[in-house]
Protein backbone atom coordinates (compact mmCIF):
# COMPACT_ATOMS: atom_id res chain seq x y z
CA MET A 1 1.84 6.43 0.57
CA GLU A 2 -1.27 5.98 -1.60
CA GLN A 3 -1.82 2.32 -0.84
CA ASN A 4 -1.70 3.07 2.88
CA GLN A 5 -4.32 5.81 2.75
CA GLN A 6 -7.17 3.29 2.78
CA HIS A 7 -6.15 2.04 6.23
CA TYR A 8 -6.81 5.40 7.79
CA SER A 9 -10.03 7.05 8.54
CA SER A 10 -10.63 10.27 10.34
CA GLU A 11 -14.28 9.38 10.84
CA GLY A 12 -15.07 6.73 13.43
CA THR A 13 -12.73 4.05 14.75
CA ASP A 14 -11.55 1.50 12.21
CA ARG A 15 -13.17 -1.88 12.76
CA ASP A 16 -10.26 -4.13 11.70
CA GLN A 17 -7.50 -2.18 13.44
CA PRO A 18 -6.12 -3.12 16.85
CA LYS A 19 -7.63 -0.99 19.60
CA GLU A 20 -5.50 1.25 21.77
CA GLU A 21 -6.18 1.40 25.51
CA ASN A 22 -3.78 4.25 26.30
CA ALA A 23 -2.17 7.04 24.34
CA ILE A 24 0.27 9.89 24.83
CA ILE A 25 -0.74 13.35 23.63
CA LEU A 26 1.39 14.82 20.83
CA ASP A 27 -0.52 18.07 20.36
CA TYR A 28 -3.72 19.64 21.70
CA LEU A 29 -5.69 22.09 19.54
CA GLU A 30 -8.16 23.83 21.80
CA HIS A 31 -9.97 25.42 18.84
CA GLY A 32 -9.66 22.51 16.39
CA TYR A 33 -7.67 22.67 13.17
CA PRO A 34 -7.05 26.25 12.02
CA PHE A 35 -7.32 25.25 8.33
CA GLU A 36 -10.78 23.65 8.63
CA SER A 37 -13.59 25.80 7.29
CA GLY A 38 -17.11 25.71 8.66
CA SER A 39 -18.61 26.84 11.91
CA THR A 40 -16.70 29.21 14.14
CA LEU A 41 -17.28 26.88 17.11
CA LYS A 42 -14.66 24.27 16.44
CA THR A 43 -14.31 21.10 18.47
CA PRO A 44 -11.08 20.77 20.45
CA ILE A 45 -8.93 17.99 19.05
CA ALA A 46 -5.87 16.12 20.25
CA GLN A 47 -3.34 14.20 18.22
CA ALA A 48 -1.85 11.29 20.11
CA LEU A 49 0.28 8.17 19.85
CA GLY A 50 -1.29 4.89 20.94
CA ILE A 51 1.09 3.09 23.31
CA ALA A 52 0.38 -0.58 22.50
CA HIS A 53 0.30 -0.50 18.69
CA LEU A 54 2.01 2.85 17.93
CA THR A 55 -0.98 4.13 15.99
CA ILE A 56 -1.42 7.85 15.41
CA LEU A 57 -4.85 8.88 16.61
CA GLU A 58 -7.17 11.85 16.59
CA LEU A 59 -9.00 12.23 19.90
CA VAL A 60 -11.87 14.40 21.03
CA PRO A 61 -11.42 15.48 24.66
CA LYS A 62 -14.29 15.81 27.11
CA LYS A 63 -15.82 19.25 27.53
CA GLY A 64 -13.68 21.58 29.62
CA VAL A 65 -10.63 19.25 29.60
CA GLN A 66 -7.28 20.81 28.72
CA LEU A 67 -4.60 18.40 27.51
CA GLN A 68 -0.82 18.78 27.47
CA PRO A 69 1.78 17.22 25.15
CA HIS A 70 3.34 14.08 26.75
CA GLN A 71 0.24 13.57 28.94
CA GLU A 72 -0.93 9.96 29.05
CA VAL A 73 -4.66 9.38 28.57
CA TYR A 74 -6.93 6.33 28.80
CA LEU A 75 -9.03 5.42 25.72
CA GLY A 76 -10.38 2.00 26.71
CA GLU A 77 -13.92 0.81 27.36
CA GLY A 78 -13.95 1.77 31.07
CA LYS A 79 -14.44 5.20 32.62
CA ARG A 80 -12.43 7.76 30.65
CA ASP A 81 -11.50 10.94 32.49
CA GLU A 82 -10.13 13.11 29.70
CA ILE A 83 -11.20 11.65 26.34
CA HIS A 84 -14.78 11.75 25.03
CA HIS A 85 -14.07 9.51 22.01
CA THR A 86 -11.45 8.44 19.49
CA LYS A 87 -12.16 9.98 16.11
CA GLY A 88 -9.89 7.53 14.30
CA ARG A 89 -6.44 6.83 12.98
CA ILE A 90 -4.67 9.47 10.94
CA PRO A 91 -1.64 9.28 8.65
CA LEU A 92 1.68 10.85 9.60
CA ASP A 93 1.22 13.69 7.14
CA ARG A 94 -1.90 14.90 9.02
CA LEU A 95 0.15 15.66 12.14
CA THR A 96 0.60 19.30 13.10
CA SER A 97 4.19 20.58 13.13
CA THR A 98 4.09 20.48 16.96
CA ALA A 99 2.89 16.85 16.98
CA ARG A 100 5.49 15.91 14.38
CA SER A 101 8.33 17.45 16.40
CA GLU A 102 7.10 15.78 19.62
CA LEU A 103 6.70 12.34 18.02
CA PRO A 104 10.36 11.14 18.39
CA HIS A 105 10.38 12.23 22.07
CA VAL A 106 7.07 10.50 22.76
CA LEU A 107 8.31 7.36 20.96
CA GLU A 108 11.37 7.37 23.23
CA LYS A 109 9.03 7.63 26.24
CA VAL A 110 7.01 4.63 24.98
CA ILE A 111 10.21 2.60 24.45
CA ASP A 112 11.45 3.49 27.95
CA LYS A 113 8.12 2.32 29.46
CA ASP A 114 8.54 -1.19 28.01
CA PRO A 115 12.08 -1.69 26.65
CA ALA A 116 11.69 -5.50 26.63
CA LYS A 117 9.05 -5.23 23.90
CA PHE A 118 11.47 -3.33 21.65
CA ILE A 119 14.69 -5.22 22.45
CA ALA A 120 12.86 -8.49 21.62
CA PHE A 121 13.35 -7.80 17.91
CA PHE A 122 17.15 -7.87 18.34
CA ASN A 123 16.82 -11.23 20.11
CA LYS A 124 14.33 -12.85 17.73
CA ALA A 125 14.89 -11.37 14.24
CA GLN A 126 15.21 -14.04 11.53
CA PRO A 127 16.42 -14.12 7.91
CA LEU A 128 13.92 -12.74 5.38
CA SER A 129 15.65 -14.51 2.49
CA MET A 130 19.04 -16.02 1.60
CA ARG A 131 20.47 -12.52 1.14
CA MET A 132 18.57 -10.38 3.62
CA HIS A 133 18.10 -10.55 7.38
CA GLN A 134 15.31 -8.81 9.34
CA LEU A 135 17.98 -6.94 11.33
CA GLU A 136 18.98 -5.18 8.10
CA LEU A 137 15.55 -3.50 8.05
CA LEU A 138 16.87 -1.21 10.81
CA PRO A 139 18.30 2.07 9.46
CA GLY A 140 22.10 2.05 9.34
CA MET A 141 22.32 -1.68 10.13
CA GLY A 142 24.89 -3.30 7.86
CA LYS A 143 26.07 -6.91 7.57
CA LYS A 144 28.93 -6.38 10.04
CA HIS A 145 26.66 -5.24 12.90
CA MET A 146 24.09 -7.86 11.96
CA TRP A 147 26.66 -10.69 12.34
CA GLU A 148 27.92 -9.21 15.62
CA ILE A 149 24.36 -9.13 17.02
CA LEU A 150 23.69 -12.71 15.87
CA GLU A 151 26.94 -13.95 17.47
CA ALA A 152 26.35 -12.05 20.74
CA ARG A 153 22.77 -13.27 21.16
CA LYS A 154 23.87 -16.92 20.78
CA GLU A 155 25.54 -16.59 24.20
CA LYS A 156 22.41 -15.11 25.80
CA PRO A 157 19.55 -12.80 24.79
CA PHE A 158 20.07 -9.06 25.20
CA ALA A 159 18.53 -7.86 28.46
CA ASP A 160 18.06 -4.23 27.39
CA PHE A 161 19.50 -1.50 25.16
CA GLU A 162 22.44 -0.93 27.52
CA ASP A 163 23.33 -4.61 27.35
CA LEU A 164 23.09 -4.53 23.54
CA LYS A 165 25.38 -1.47 23.36
CA ALA A 166 27.88 -3.05 25.76
CA ARG A 167 28.09 -6.35 23.88
CA VAL A 168 28.00 -5.07 20.28
CA LYS A 169 30.80 -2.53 19.96
CA LEU A 170 30.42 0.55 17.74
CA LEU A 171 26.72 -0.13 17.19
CA PRO A 172 24.87 3.13 16.43
CA ASN A 173 22.51 4.10 19.30
CA PRO A 174 20.01 1.20 19.12
CA LYS A 175 17.13 3.10 20.74
CA GLN A 176 17.46 5.92 18.18
CA THR A 177 17.70 3.30 15.41
CA VAL A 178 14.39 1.81 16.60
CA ILE A 179 12.77 5.28 16.64
CA LYS A 180 13.97 5.91 13.05
CA ARG A 181 12.58 2.53 12.00
CA ILE A 182 9.17 3.25 13.60
CA LEU A 183 9.00 6.62 11.78
CA LEU A 184 9.79 4.87 8.46
CA GLU A 185 6.97 2.40 9.09
CA MET A 186 4.59 5.24 9.93
CA GLU A 187 5.48 6.89 6.63
CA GLY A 188 4.57 3.65 4.85
CA LYS A 189 8.02 3.48 3.21
CA ASP A 190 8.50 -0.25 3.77
CA LYS A 191 6.07 -3.13 3.40
CA HIS A 192 7.79 -4.95 6.30
CA LYS A 193 6.35 -4.06 9.67
CA ILE A 194 8.40 -4.62 12.80
CA TYR A 195 6.88 -2.28 15.35
CA VAL A 196 3.79 -0.52 13.96
CA SER A 197 0.52 -2.50 13.87
């Protein structure tokens, strides 16, 4: 986790990180973080998941705006209705317990919005070395399933998760496998990145 800390900043948006245009709210703290000392007038804060790059962000809403978990908000350069500014990226361990429990559900929502982006990995994954294939980076993916996926995709690429499940028998739920993989990447537990920028 240590080596990943430097990539995060809770002050200002990181210059070298990909920018998010849209995000989905994970948690909204109307009175800021309860554990932060200082003035009694705390700034409302929202924790959110960026849709394009799956970055975890801290957002400052506009005055008088109430946000709800699972609400989609715009963060781009144009006119923003709900968000005043993006405070920055935050590591997984800074999430509130509410945000942490909502994260898998919000990830599923993001996958459902653009399944082609996530199924592409199953169609394009390549060997990492003589002994290891990229598909094996997915939790619970053994050699047997890996070979079945490689054989099935030779015929034609997988259209979606349903197609993948239908053509590769006894494969653990691929959408849930992708969610588990994204969470592992967010925790910084693997140097290989498939989904998280």
